[in-house]
Amino acid sequence: MAAKKDMRRDDLIVPYSDPDKDKENTDFQSTMTSTLPMAAIFTRNKMLGWTAVLFAIQQWLSETPAQKANSASPAYLSIGMSVLSLGVGYMPLFMPPPPGSRPGSGTEAPAAAPPS
């Protein structure tokens, strides 16, 4: 096989430069950190609760001083909210509902009357 000639030219090399940060760049991680605990509380979904805890811890550990200065609430509040959502998900294990009560929202159709 014949040796191939290197076609790269040194005069065409462009050095890498970091892209400018947008001031209006929305922080998706903080959005997830604040909405996941609420979704876990409303649905009582344990998987959403654990995901909320992991997102909150990740945001707290990766928080920069600029994010800390611009945030409306501290990161430990997000961790507290996510732990609370996890507690709501596991609440029926520690505080079981009374026997004979049916879980529901109260908007179901009324039960049929017993025959007389």
PDB file of N, CA and C in Angstrom:
ATOM      1  N   MET A   1       0.824  -1.180   0.000  1.00  0.00           N
ATOM      2  CA  MET A   1       0.000   0.000   0.000  1.00  0.00           C
ATOM      3  C   MET A   1       0.872   1.249   0.000  1.00  0.00           C
ATOM      4  N   ALA A   2       0.454   2.177  -0.748  1.00  0.00           N
ATOM      5  CA  ALA A   2       1.199   3.426  -0.830  1.00  0.00           C
ATOM      6  C   ALA A   2       0.876   4.293   0.377  1.00  0.00           C
ATOM      7  N   ALA A   3       1.877   5.015   0.862  1.00  0.00           N
ATOM      8  CA  ALA A   3       1.672   5.910   1.993  1.00  0.00           C
ATOM      9  C   ALA A   3       0.815   7.088   1.551  1.00  0.00           C
ATOM     10  N   LYS A   4      -0.202   7.415   2.357  1.00  0.00           N
ATOM     11  CA  LYS A   4      -1.088   8.523   2.010  1.00  0.00           C
ATOM     12  C   LYS A   4      -0.493   9.828   2.512  1.00  0.00           C
ATOM     13  N   LYS A   5      -0.673  10.858   1.726  1.00  0.00           N
ATOM     14  CA  LYS A   5      -0.164  12.179   2.088  1.00  0.00           C
ATOM     15  C   LYS A   5      -1.138  12.842   3.067  1.00  0.00           C
ATOM     16  N   ASP A   6      -0.594  13.447   4.122  1.00  0.00           N
ATOM     17  CA  ASP A   6      -1.410  14.145   5.102  1.00  0.00           C
ATOM     18  C   ASP A   6      -1.893  15.452   4.492  1.00  0.00           C
ATOM     19  N   MET A   7      -3.214  15.593   4.338  1.00  0.00           N
ATOM     20  CA  MET A   7      -3.789  16.755   3.661  1.00  0.00           C
ATOM     21  C   MET A   7      -4.100  17.916   4.613  1.00  0.00           C
ATOM     22  N   ARG A   8      -3.822  17.757   5.889  1.00  0.00           N
ATOM     23  CA  ARG A   8      -4.097  18.845   6.839  1.00  0.00           C
ATOM     24  C   ARG A   8      -3.045  19.942   6.692  1.00  0.00           C
ATOM     25  N   ARG A   9      -3.530  21.191   6.799  1.00  0.00           N
ATOM     26  CA  ARG A   9      -2.616  22.325   6.668  1.00  0.00           C
ATOM     27  C   ARG A   9      -2.597  23.109   7.971  1.00  0.00           C
ATOM     28  N   ASP A  10      -1.402  23.497   8.374  1.00  0.00           N
ATOM     29  CA  ASP A  10      -1.246  24.233   9.630  1.00  0.00           C
ATOM     30  C   ASP A  10      -1.874  25.617   9.588  1.00  0.00           C
ATOM     31  N   ASP A  11      -1.973  26.219   8.436  1.00  0.00           N
ATOM     32  CA  ASP A  11      -2.531  27.567   8.354  1.00  0.00           C
ATOM     33  C   ASP A  11      -4.058  27.580   8.471  1.00  0.00           C
ATOM     34  N   LEU A  12      -4.702  26.400   8.417  1.00  0.00           N
ATOM     35  CA  LEU A  12      -6.158  26.329   8.540  1.00  0.00           C
ATOM     36  C   LEU A  12      -6.621  25.956   9.955  1.00  0.00           C
ATOM     37  N   ILE A  13      -5.716  25.804  10.873  1.00  0.00           N
ATOM     38  CA  ILE A  13      -6.075  25.433  12.248  1.00  0.00           C
ATOM     39  C   ILE A  13      -6.700  26.635  12.943  1.00  0.00           C
ATOM     40  N   VAL A  14      -7.884  26.408  13.543  1.00  0.00           N
ATOM     41  CA  VAL A  14      -8.593  27.454  14.282  1.00  0.00           C
ATOM     42  C   VAL A  14      -8.554  27.070  15.754  1.00  0.00           C
ATOM     43  N   PRO A  15      -7.993  27.907  16.604  1.00  0.00           N
ATOM     44  CA  PRO A  15      -7.937  27.561  18.036  1.00  0.00           C
ATOM     45  C   PRO A  15      -9.336  27.582  18.665  1.00  0.00           C
ATOM     46  N   TYR A  16      -9.533  26.741  19.659  1.00  0.00           N
ATOM     47  CA  TYR A  16     -10.821  26.667  20.352  1.00  0.00           C
ATOM     48  C   TYR A  16     -10.969  27.837  21.309  1.00  0.00           C
ATOM     49  N   SER A  17     -12.157  28.414  21.311  1.00  0.00           N
ATOM     50  CA  SER A  17     -12.472  29.459  22.294  1.00  0.00           C
ATOM     51  C   SER A  17     -13.837  29.130  22.894  1.00  0.00           C
ATOM     52  N   ASP A  18     -13.946  29.315  24.202  1.00  0.00           N
ATOM     53  CA  ASP A  18     -15.205  29.021  24.884  1.00  0.00           C
ATOM     54  C   ASP A  18     -16.308  29.924  24.356  1.00  0.00           C
ATOM     55  N   PRO A  19     -17.520  29.383  24.175  1.00  0.00           N
ATOM     56  CA  PRO A  19     -18.634  30.239  23.743  1.00  0.00           C
ATOM     57  C   PRO A  19     -19.057  31.171  24.872  1.00  0.00           C
ATOM     58  N   ASP A  20     -19.566  32.323  24.511  1.00  0.00           N
ATOM     59  CA  ASP A  20     -20.026  33.290  25.498  1.00  0.00           C
ATOM     60  C   ASP A  20     -21.266  32.754  26.199  1.00  0.00           C
ATOM     61  N   LYS A  21     -21.335  32.985  27.493  1.00  0.00           N
ATOM     62  CA  LYS A  21     -22.499  32.558  28.272  1.00  0.00           C
ATOM     63  C   LYS A  21     -23.606  33.585  28.108  1.00  0.00           C
ATOM     64  N   ASP A  22     -24.815  33.084  27.866  1.00  0.00           N
ATOM     65  CA  ASP A  22     -25.965  33.978  27.760  1.00  0.00           C
ATOM     66  C   ASP A  22     -26.438  34.355  29.156  1.00  0.00           C
ATOM     67  N   LYS A  23     -26.746  35.611  29.344  1.00  0.00           N
ATOM     68  CA  LYS A  23     -27.264  36.045  30.633  1.00  0.00           C
ATOM     69  C   LYS A  23     -28.681  35.525  30.851  1.00  0.00           C
ATOM     70  N   GLU A  24     -29.430  35.313  29.766  1.00  0.00           N
ATOM     71  CA  GLU A  24     -30.811  34.857  29.874  1.00  0.00           C
ATOM     72  C   GLU A  24     -30.922  33.347  29.783  1.00  0.00           C
ATOM     73  N   ASN A  25     -29.816  32.655  29.922  1.00  0.00           N
ATOM     74  CA  ASN A  25     -29.834  31.198  29.856  1.00  0.00           C
ATOM     75  C   ASN A  25     -30.579  30.655  31.069  1.00  0.00           C
ATOM     76  N   THR A  26     -31.666  29.918  30.833  1.00  0.00           N
ATOM     77  CA  THR A  26     -32.431  29.376  31.949  1.00  0.00           C
ATOM     78  C   THR A  26     -31.731  28.139  32.484  1.00  0.00           C
ATOM     79  N   ASP A  27     -31.753  28.014  33.768  1.00  0.00           N
ATOM     80  CA  ASP A  27     -31.101  26.891  34.419  1.00  0.00           C
ATOM     81  C   ASP A  27     -32.092  25.744  34.525  1.00  0.00           C
ATOM     82  N   PHE A  28     -31.936  24.747  33.667  1.00  0.00           N
ATOM     83  CA  PHE A  28     -32.869  23.630  33.617  1.00  0.00           C
ATOM     84  C   PHE A  28     -32.774  22.779  34.868  1.00  0.00           C
ATOM     85  N   GLN A  29     -31.589  22.671  35.429  1.00  0.00           N
ATOM     86  CA  GLN A  29     -31.422  21.840  36.609  1.00  0.00           C
ATOM     87  C   GLN A  29     -32.187  22.421  37.801  1.00  0.00           C
ATOM     88  N   SER A  30     -32.190  23.718  37.974  1.00  0.00           N
ATOM     89  CA  SER A  30     -32.946  24.294  39.081  1.00  0.00           C
ATOM     90  C   SER A  30     -34.447  24.161  38.854  1.00  0.00           C
ATOM     91  N   THR A  31     -34.865  24.180  37.599  1.00  0.00           N
ATOM     92  CA  THR A  31     -36.275  23.955  37.301  1.00  0.00           C
ATOM     93  C   THR A  31     -36.688  22.543  37.691  1.00  0.00           C
ATOM     94  N   MET A  32     -35.862  21.572  37.345  1.00  0.00           N
ATOM     95  CA  MET A  32     -36.153  20.185  37.709  1.00  0.00           C
ATOM     96  C   MET A  32     -36.105  20.003  39.224  1.00  0.00           C
ATOM     97  N   THR A  33     -35.181  20.682  39.875  1.00  0.00           N
ATOM     98  CA  THR A  33     -35.042  20.541  41.323  1.00  0.00           C
ATOM     99  C   THR A  33     -36.255  21.098  42.055  1.00  0.00           C
ATOM    100  N   SER A  34     -36.907  22.094  41.492  1.00  0.00           N
ATOM    101  CA  SER A  34     -38.062  22.660  42.183  1.00  0.00           C
ATOM    102  C   SER A  34     -39.380  21.992  41.790  1.00  0.00           C
ATOM    103  N   THR A  35     -39.473  21.410  40.590  1.00  0.00           N
ATOM    104  CA  THR A  35     -40.741  20.820  40.174  1.00  0.00           C
ATOM    105  C   THR A  35     -40.855  19.328  40.471  1.00  0.00           C
ATOM    106  N   LEU A  36     -39.750  18.596  40.485  1.00  0.00           N
ATOM    107  CA  LEU A  36     -39.827  17.162  40.759  1.00  0.00           C
ATOM    108  C   LEU A  36     -40.384  16.857  42.151  1.00  0.00           C
ATOM    109  N   PRO A  37     -39.969  17.551  43.215  1.00  0.00           N
ATOM    110  CA  PRO A  37     -40.575  17.239  44.512  1.00  0.00           C
ATOM    111  C   PRO A  37     -42.083  17.471  44.543  1.00  0.00           C
ATOM    112  N   MET A  38     -42.549  18.514  43.875  1.00  0.00           N
ATOM    113  CA  MET A  38     -43.993  18.767  43.847  1.00  0.00           C
ATOM    114  C   MET A  38     -44.723  17.660  43.100  1.00  0.00           C
ATOM    115  N   ALA A  39     -44.162  17.209  41.992  1.00  0.00           N
ATOM    116  CA  ALA A  39     -44.789  16.111  41.246  1.00  0.00           C
ATOM    117  C   ALA A  39     -44.801  14.829  42.063  1.00  0.00           C
ATOM    118  N   ALA A  40     -43.723  14.591  42.828  1.00  0.00           N
ATOM    119  CA  ALA A  40     -43.670  13.392  43.666  1.00  0.00           C
ATOM    120  C   ALA A  40     -44.685  13.471  44.808  1.00  0.00           C
ATOM    121  N   ILE A  41     -44.907  14.653  45.362  1.00  0.00           N
ATOM    122  CA  ILE A  41     -45.888  14.805  46.436  1.00  0.00           C
ATOM    123  C   ILE A  41     -47.299  14.594  45.903  1.00  0.00           C
ATOM    124  N   PHE A  42     -47.611  15.176  44.751  1.00  0.00           N
ATOM    125  CA  PHE A  42     -48.961  15.060  44.205  1.00  0.00           C
ATOM    126  C   PHE A  42     -49.293  13.636  43.781  1.00  0.00           C
ATOM    127  N   THR A  43     -48.324  12.945  43.206  1.00  0.00           N
ATOM    128  CA  THR A  43     -48.593  11.595  42.706  1.00  0.00           C
ATOM    129  C   THR A  43     -48.239  10.506  43.707  1.00  0.00           C
ATOM    130  N   ARG A  44     -47.533  10.856  44.774  1.00  0.00           N
ATOM    131  CA  ARG A  44     -47.035   9.896  45.762  1.00  0.00           C
ATOM    132  C   ARG A  44     -46.220   8.796  45.085  1.00  0.00           C
ATOM    133  N   ASN A  45     -45.438   9.212  44.121  1.00  0.00           N
ATOM    134  CA  ASN A  45     -44.596   8.295  43.365  1.00  0.00           C
ATOM    135  C   ASN A  45     -43.216   8.268  44.012  1.00  0.00           C
ATOM    136  N   LYS A  46     -42.805   7.088  44.473  1.00  0.00           N
ATOM    137  CA  LYS A  46     -41.528   6.967  45.172  1.00  0.00           C
ATOM    138  C   LYS A  46     -40.348   7.184  44.226  1.00  0.00           C
ATOM    139  N   MET A  47     -40.476   6.742  42.989  1.00  0.00           N
ATOM    140  CA  MET A  47     -39.382   6.906  42.025  1.00  0.00           C
ATOM    141  C   MET A  47     -39.142   8.389  41.734  1.00  0.00           C
ATOM    142  N   LEU A  48     -40.201   9.164  41.620  1.00  0.00           N
ATOM    143  CA  LEU A  48     -40.028  10.614  41.429  1.00  0.00           C
ATOM    144  C   LEU A  48     -39.392  11.248  42.668  1.00  0.00           C
ATOM    145  N   GLY A  49     -39.733  10.741  43.847  1.00  0.00           N
ATOM    146  CA  GLY A  49     -39.139  11.261  45.077  1.00  0.00           C
ATOM    147  C   GLY A  49     -37.642  11.017  45.129  1.00  0.00           C
ATOM    148  N   TRP A  50     -37.213   9.794  44.781  1.00  0.00           N
ATOM    149  CA  TRP A  50     -35.779   9.499  44.778  1.00  0.00           C
ATOM    150  C   TRP A  50     -35.055  10.306  43.705  1.00  0.00           C
ATOM    151  N   THR A  51     -35.693  10.479  42.555  1.00  0.00           N
ATOM    152  CA  THR A  51     -35.095  11.290  41.488  1.00  0.00           C
ATOM    153  C   THR A  51     -34.956  12.739  41.948  1.00  0.00           C
ATOM    154  N   ALA A  52     -35.952  13.240  42.659  1.00  0.00           N
ATOM    155  CA  ALA A  52     -35.884  14.614  43.173  1.00  0.00           C
ATOM    156  C   ALA A  52     -34.739  14.769  44.164  1.00  0.00           C
ATOM    157  N   VAL A  53     -34.538  13.759  45.019  1.00  0.00           N
ATOM    158  CA  VAL A  53     -33.430  13.819  45.988  1.00  0.00           C
ATOM    159  C   VAL A  53     -32.093  13.847  45.255  1.00  0.00           C
ATOM    160  N   LEU A  54     -31.945  12.995  44.257  1.00  0.00           N
ATOM    161  CA  LEU A  54     -30.679  12.959  43.514  1.00  0.00           C
ATOM    162  C   LEU A  54     -30.422  14.259  42.761  1.00  0.00           C
ATOM    163  N   PHE A  55     -31.453  14.819  42.139  1.00  0.00           N
ATOM    164  CA  PHE A  55     -31.290  16.096  41.439  1.00  0.00           C
ATOM    165  C   PHE A  55     -30.921  17.205  42.416  1.00  0.00           C
ATOM    166  N   ALA A  56     -31.542  17.231  43.587  1.00  0.00           N
ATOM    167  CA  ALA A  56     -31.260  18.295  44.559  1.00  0.00           C
ATOM    168  C   ALA A  56     -29.837  18.193  45.086  1.00  0.00           C
ATOM    169  N   ILE A  57     -29.395  16.970  45.389  1.00  0.00           N
ATOM    170  CA  ILE A  57     -28.020  16.808  45.875  1.00  0.00           C
ATOM    171  C   ILE A  57     -27.021  17.184  44.790  1.00  0.00           C
ATOM    172  N   GLN A  58     -27.327  16.794  43.556  1.00  0.00           N
ATOM    173  CA  GLN A  58     -26.432  17.125  42.446  1.00  0.00           C
ATOM    174  C   GLN A  58     -26.354  18.639  42.241  1.00  0.00           C
ATOM    175  N   GLN A  59     -27.487  19.318  42.340  1.00  0.00           N
ATOM    176  CA  GLN A  59     -27.465  20.772  42.172  1.00  0.00           C
ATOM    177  C   GLN A  59     -26.696  21.436  43.307  1.00  0.00           C
ATOM    178  N   TRP A  60     -26.857  20.946  44.524  1.00  0.00           N
ATOM    179  CA  TRP A  60     -26.170  21.536  45.665  1.00  0.00           C
ATOM    180  C   TRP A  60     -24.664  21.354  45.553  1.00  0.00           C
ATOM    181  N   LEU A  61     -24.230  20.171  45.101  1.00  0.00           N
ATOM    182  CA  LEU A  61     -22.799  19.926  44.994  1.00  0.00           C
ATOM    183  C   LEU A  61     -22.149  20.662  43.824  1.00  0.00           C
ATOM    184  N   SER A  62     -22.912  20.949  42.781  1.00  0.00           N
ATOM    185  CA  SER A  62     -22.335  21.612  41.606  1.00  0.00           C
ATOM    186  C   SER A  62     -22.642  23.104  41.567  1.00  0.00           C
ATOM    187  N   GLU A  63     -23.101  23.653  42.670  1.00  0.00           N
ATOM    188  CA  GLU A  63     -23.464  25.069  42.713  1.00  0.00           C
ATOM    189  C   GLU A  63     -22.216  25.953  42.699  1.00  0.00           C
ATOM    190  N   THR A  64     -22.202  26.916  41.806  1.00  0.00           N
ATOM    191  CA  THR A  64     -21.089  27.862  41.726  1.00  0.00           C
ATOM    192  C   THR A  64     -21.418  29.101  42.568  1.00  0.00           C
ATOM    193  N   PRO A  65     -20.408  29.894  42.911  1.00  0.00           N
ATOM    194  CA  PRO A  65     -20.700  31.125  43.666  1.00  0.00           C
ATOM    195  C   PRO A  65     -21.637  32.083  42.922  1.00  0.00           C
ATOM    196  N   ALA A  66     -21.552  32.113  41.596  1.00  0.00           N
ATOM    197  CA  ALA A  66     -22.447  32.986  40.835  1.00  0.00           C
ATOM    198  C   ALA A  66     -23.890  32.494  40.927  1.00  0.00           C
ATOM    199  N   GLN A  67     -24.079  31.176  40.856  1.00  0.00           N
ATOM    200  CA  GLN A  67     -25.428  30.629  40.990  1.00  0.00           C
ATOM    201  C   GLN A  67     -25.961  30.860  42.398  1.00  0.00           C
ATOM    202  N   LYS A  68     -25.082  30.750  43.376  1.00  0.00           N
ATOM    203  CA  LYS A  68     -25.494  30.959  44.763  1.00  0.00           C
ATOM    204  C   LYS A  68     -25.944  32.405  44.970  1.00  0.00           C
ATOM    205  N   ALA A  69     -25.258  33.343  44.324  1.00  0.00           N
ATOM    206  CA  ALA A  69     -25.621  34.752  44.477  1.00  0.00           C
ATOM    207  C   ALA A  69     -26.921  35.087  43.748  1.00  0.00           C
ATOM    208  N   ASN A  70     -27.191  34.419  42.627  1.00  0.00           N
ATOM    209  CA  ASN A  70     -28.374  34.736  41.830  1.00  0.00           C
ATOM    210  C   ASN A  70     -29.614  33.938  42.204  1.00  0.00           C
ATOM    211  N   SER A  71     -29.471  32.870  42.995  1.00  0.00           N
ATOM    212  CA  SER A  71     -30.625  32.025  43.293  1.00  0.00           C
ATOM    213  C   SER A  71     -31.520  32.690  44.331  1.00  0.00           C
ATOM    214  N   ALA A  72     -32.814  32.409  44.207  1.00  0.00           N
ATOM    215  CA  ALA A  72     -33.776  32.989  45.140  1.00  0.00           C
ATOM    216  C   ALA A  72     -33.829  32.215  46.449  1.00  0.00           C
ATOM    217  N   SER A  73     -33.533  30.917  46.395  1.00  0.00           N
ATOM    218  CA  SER A  73     -33.563  30.097  47.608  1.00  0.00           C
ATOM    219  C   SER A  73     -32.282  29.282  47.702  1.00  0.00           C
ATOM    220  N   PRO A  74     -31.834  28.990  48.908  1.00  0.00           N
ATOM    221  CA  PRO A  74     -30.598  28.214  49.050  1.00  0.00           C
ATOM    222  C   PRO A  74     -30.803  26.762  48.616  1.00  0.00           C
ATOM    223  N   ALA A  75     -29.711  26.088  48.311  1.00  0.00           N
ATOM    224  CA  ALA A  75     -29.785  24.725  47.794  1.00  0.00           C
ATOM    225  C   ALA A  75     -30.270  23.749  48.849  1.00  0.00           C
ATOM    226  N   TYR A  76     -29.976  24.016  50.117  1.00  0.00           N
ATOM    227  CA  TYR A  76     -30.431  23.079  51.148  1.00  0.00           C
ATOM    228  C   TYR A  76     -31.953  23.088  51.286  1.00  0.00           C
ATOM    229  N   LEU A  77     -32.619  24.156  50.858  1.00  0.00           N
ATOM    230  CA  LEU A  77     -34.076  24.175  50.853  1.00  0.00           C
ATOM    231  C   LEU A  77     -34.609  23.209  49.804  1.00  0.00           C
ATOM    232  N   SER A  78     -33.944  23.117  48.661  1.00  0.00           N
ATOM    233  CA  SER A  78     -34.338  22.161  47.632  1.00  0.00           C
ATOM    234  C   SER A  78     -34.151  20.730  48.118  1.00  0.00           C
ATOM    235  N   ILE A  79     -33.075  20.494  48.859  1.00  0.00           N
ATOM    236  CA  ILE A  79     -32.846  19.157  49.414  1.00  0.00           C
ATOM    237  C   ILE A  79     -33.932  18.833  50.441  1.00  0.00           C
ATOM    238  N   GLY A  80     -34.292  19.790  51.257  1.00  0.00           N
ATOM    239  CA  GLY A  80     -35.366  19.571  52.229  1.00  0.00           C
ATOM    240  C   GLY A  80     -36.689  19.261  51.570  1.00  0.00           C
ATOM    241  N   MET A  81     -37.006  19.983  50.496  1.00  0.00           N
ATOM    242  CA  MET A  81     -38.244  19.731  49.762  1.00  0.00           C
ATOM    243  C   MET A  81     -38.245  18.338  49.162  1.00  0.00           C
ATOM    244  N   SER A  82     -37.122  17.919  48.609  1.00  0.00           N
ATOM    245  CA  SER A  82     -37.064  16.603  47.983  1.00  0.00           C
ATOM    246  C   SER A  82     -37.146  15.485  49.019  1.00  0.00           C
ATOM    247  N   VAL A  83     -36.549  15.686  50.186  1.00  0.00           N
ATOM    248  CA  VAL A  83     -36.658  14.687  51.254  1.00  0.00           C
ATOM    249  C   VAL A  83     -38.094  14.636  51.767  1.00  0.00           C
ATOM    250  N   LEU A  84     -38.762  15.778  51.824  1.00  0.00           N
ATOM    251  CA  LEU A  84     -40.164  15.809  52.213  1.00  0.00           C
ATOM    252  C   LEU A  84     -41.018  15.047  51.202  1.00  0.00           C
ATOM    253  N   SER A  85     -40.735  15.210  49.920  1.00  0.00           N
ATOM    254  CA  SER A  85     -41.504  14.481  48.908  1.00  0.00           C
ATOM    255  C   SER A  85     -41.274  12.981  49.026  1.00  0.00           C
ATOM    256  N   LEU A  86     -40.070  12.591  49.376  1.00  0.00           N
ATOM    257  CA  LEU A  86     -39.782  11.179  49.596  1.00  0.00           C
ATOM    258  C   LEU A  86     -40.537  10.673  50.826  1.00  0.00           C
ATOM    259  N   GLY A  87     -40.613  11.492  51.860  1.00  0.00           N
ATOM    260  CA  GLY A  87     -41.368  11.119  53.055  1.00  0.00           C
ATOM    261  C   GLY A  87     -42.850  10.953  52.774  1.00  0.00           C
ATOM    262  N   VAL A  88     -43.413  11.814  51.923  1.00  0.00           N
ATOM    263  CA  VAL A  88     -44.822  11.693  51.559  1.00  0.00           C
ATOM    264  C   VAL A  88     -45.056  10.406  50.773  1.00  0.00           C
ATOM    265  N   GLY A  89     -44.106  10.031  49.942  1.00  0.00           N
ATOM    266  CA  GLY A  89     -44.250   8.799  49.172  1.00  0.00           C
ATOM    267  C   GLY A  89     -44.257   7.559  50.051  1.00  0.00           C
ATOM    268  N   TYR A  90     -43.447   7.573  51.115  1.00  0.00           N
ATOM    269  CA  TYR A  90     -43.355   6.417  52.013  1.00  0.00           C
ATOM    270  C   TYR A  90     -44.256   6.537  53.241  1.00  0.00           C
ATOM    271  N   MET A  91     -45.068   7.565  53.325  1.00  0.00           N
ATOM    272  CA  MET A  91     -45.927   7.765  54.487  1.00  0.00           C
ATOM    273  C   MET A  91     -46.884   6.603  54.751  1.00  0.00           C
ATOM    274  N   PRO A  92     -47.495   5.987  53.742  1.00  0.00           N
ATOM    275  CA  PRO A  92     -48.400   4.874  54.052  1.00  0.00           C
ATOM    276  C   PRO A  92     -47.701   3.686  54.722  1.00  0.00           C
ATOM    277  N   LEU A  93     -46.387   3.555  54.598  1.00  0.00           N
ATOM    278  CA  LEU A  93     -45.690   2.474  55.291  1.00  0.00           C
ATOM    279  C   LEU A  93     -45.616   2.726  56.788  1.00  0.00           C
ATOM    280  N   PHE A  94     -45.435   3.982  57.181  1.00  0.00           N
ATOM    281  CA  PHE A  94     -45.268   4.318  58.586  1.00  0.00           C
ATOM    282  C   PHE A  94     -46.570   4.729  59.262  1.00  0.00           C
ATOM    283  N   MET A  95     -47.490   5.276  58.499  1.00  0.00           N
ATOM    284  CA  MET A  95     -48.794   5.674  59.023  1.00  0.00           C
ATOM    285  C   MET A  95     -49.866   5.061  58.133  1.00  0.00           C
ATOM    286  N   PRO A  96     -50.154   3.772  58.295  1.00  0.00           N
ATOM    287  CA  PRO A  96     -51.131   3.145  57.401  1.00  0.00           C
ATOM    288  C   PRO A  96     -52.516   3.751  57.595  1.00  0.00           C
ATOM    289  N   PRO A  97     -53.298   3.774  56.518  1.00  0.00           N
ATOM    290  CA  PRO A  97     -54.656   4.321  56.648  1.00  0.00           C
ATOM    291  C   PRO A  97     -55.505   3.414  57.543  1.00  0.00           C
ATOM    292  N   PRO A  98     -56.529   3.959  58.185  1.00  0.00           N
ATOM    293  CA  PRO A  98     -57.362   3.133  59.051  1.00  0.00           C
ATOM    294  C   PRO A  98     -58.054   2.028  58.254  1.00  0.00           C
ATOM    295  N   PRO A  99     -58.292   0.871  58.880  1.00  0.00           N
ATOM    296  CA  PRO A  99     -58.934  -0.219  58.151  1.00  0.00           C
ATOM    297  C   PRO A  99     -60.352   0.169  57.733  1.00  0.00           C
ATOM    298  N   GLY A 100     -60.712  -0.281  56.566  1.00  0.00           N
ATOM    299  CA  GLY A 100     -62.056  -0.003  56.054  1.00  0.00           C
ATOM    300  C   GLY A 100     -62.147   1.274  55.259  1.00  0.00           C
ATOM    301  N   SER A 101     -61.127   2.106  55.312  1.00  0.00           N
ATOM    302  CA  SER A 101     -61.181   3.336  54.523  1.00  0.00           C
ATOM    303  C   SER A 101     -60.627   3.059  53.135  1.00  0.00           C
ATOM    304  N   ARG A 102     -61.248   3.660  52.165  1.00  0.00           N
ATOM    305  CA  ARG A 102     -60.807   3.484  50.783  1.00  0.00           C
ATOM    306  C   ARG A 102     -60.092   4.742  50.339  1.00  0.00           C
ATOM    307  N   PRO A 103     -58.948   4.575  49.707  1.00  0.00           N
ATOM    308  CA  PRO A 103     -58.296   5.775  49.179  1.00  0.00           C
ATOM    309  C   PRO A 103     -59.073   6.293  47.969  1.00  0.00           C
ATOM    310  N   GLY A 104     -59.193   7.559  47.882  1.00  0.00           N
ATOM    311  CA  GLY A 104     -59.894   8.164  46.752  1.00  0.00           C
ATOM    312  C   GLY A 104     -59.888   9.666  46.881  1.00  0.00           C
ATOM    313  N   SER A 105     -60.349  10.303  45.833  1.00  0.00           N
ATOM    314  CA  SER A 105     -60.334  11.759  45.831  1.00  0.00           C
ATOM    315  C   SER A 105     -61.675  12.347  46.232  1.00  0.00           C
ATOM    316  N   GLY A 106     -62.700  11.510  46.357  1.00  0.00           N
ATOM    317  CA  GLY A 106     -64.017  12.024  46.712  1.00  0.00           C
ATOM    318  C   GLY A 106     -64.824  12.433  45.506  1.00  0.00           C
ATOM    319  N   THR A 107     -64.291  12.233  44.322  1.00  0.00           N
ATOM    320  CA  THR A 107     -65.017  12.617  43.116  1.00  0.00           C
ATOM    321  C   THR A 107     -65.575  11.400  42.374  1.00  0.00           C
ATOM    322  N   GLU A 108     -65.488  10.211  42.999  1.00  0.00           N
ATOM    323  CA  GLU A 108     -65.982   9.012  42.349  1.00  0.00           C
ATOM    324  C   GLU A 108     -67.512   9.010  42.369  1.00  0.00           C
ATOM    325  N   ALA A 109     -68.095   8.143  41.554  1.00  0.00           N
ATOM    326  CA  ALA A 109     -69.539   7.987  41.553  1.00  0.00           C
ATOM    327  C   ALA A 109     -69.979   7.392  42.884  1.00  0.00           C
ATOM    328  N   PRO A 110     -71.147   7.768  43.379  1.00  0.00           N
ATOM    329  CA  PRO A 110     -71.591   7.230  44.659  1.00  0.00           C
ATOM    330  C   PRO A 110     -71.833   5.724  44.556  1.00  0.00           C
ATOM    331  N   ALA A 111     -71.618   5.046  45.669  1.00  0.00           N
ATOM    332  CA  ALA A 111     -71.837   3.602  45.700  1.00  0.00           C
ATOM    333  C   ALA A 111     -73.314   3.304  45.627  1.00  0.00           C
ATOM    334  N   ALA A 112     -73.638   2.156  45.087  1.00  0.00           N
ATOM    335  CA  ALA A 112     -75.036   1.756  44.978  1.00  0.00           C
ATOM    336  C   ALA A 112     -75.599   1.456  46.369  1.00  0.00           C
ATOM    337  N   ALA A 113     -76.866   1.755  46.562  1.00  0.00           N
ATOM    338  CA  ALA A 113     -77.500   1.490  47.844  1.00  0.00           C
ATOM    339  C   ALA A 113     -77.704  -0.013  47.998  1.00  0.00           C
ATOM    340  N   PRO A 114     -77.523  -0.527  49.210  1.00  0.00           N
ATOM    341  CA  PRO A 114     -77.728  -1.967  49.404  1.00  0.00           C
ATOM    342  C   PRO A 114     -79.201  -2.333  49.187  1.00  0.00           C
ATOM    343  N   PRO A 115     -79.462  -3.535  48.668  1.00  0.00           N
ATOM    344  CA  PRO A 115     -80.873  -3.920  48.438  1.00  0.00           C
ATOM    345  C   PRO A 115     -81.613  -4.083  49.771  1.00  0.00           C
ATOM    346  N   SER A 116     -82.874  -3.695  49.788  1.00  0.00           N
ATOM    347  CA  SER A 116     -83.644  -3.780  51.043  1.00  0.00           C
ATOM    348  C   SER A 116     -84.575  -4.956  51.062  1.00  0.00           C
TER     349      SER A 116
END
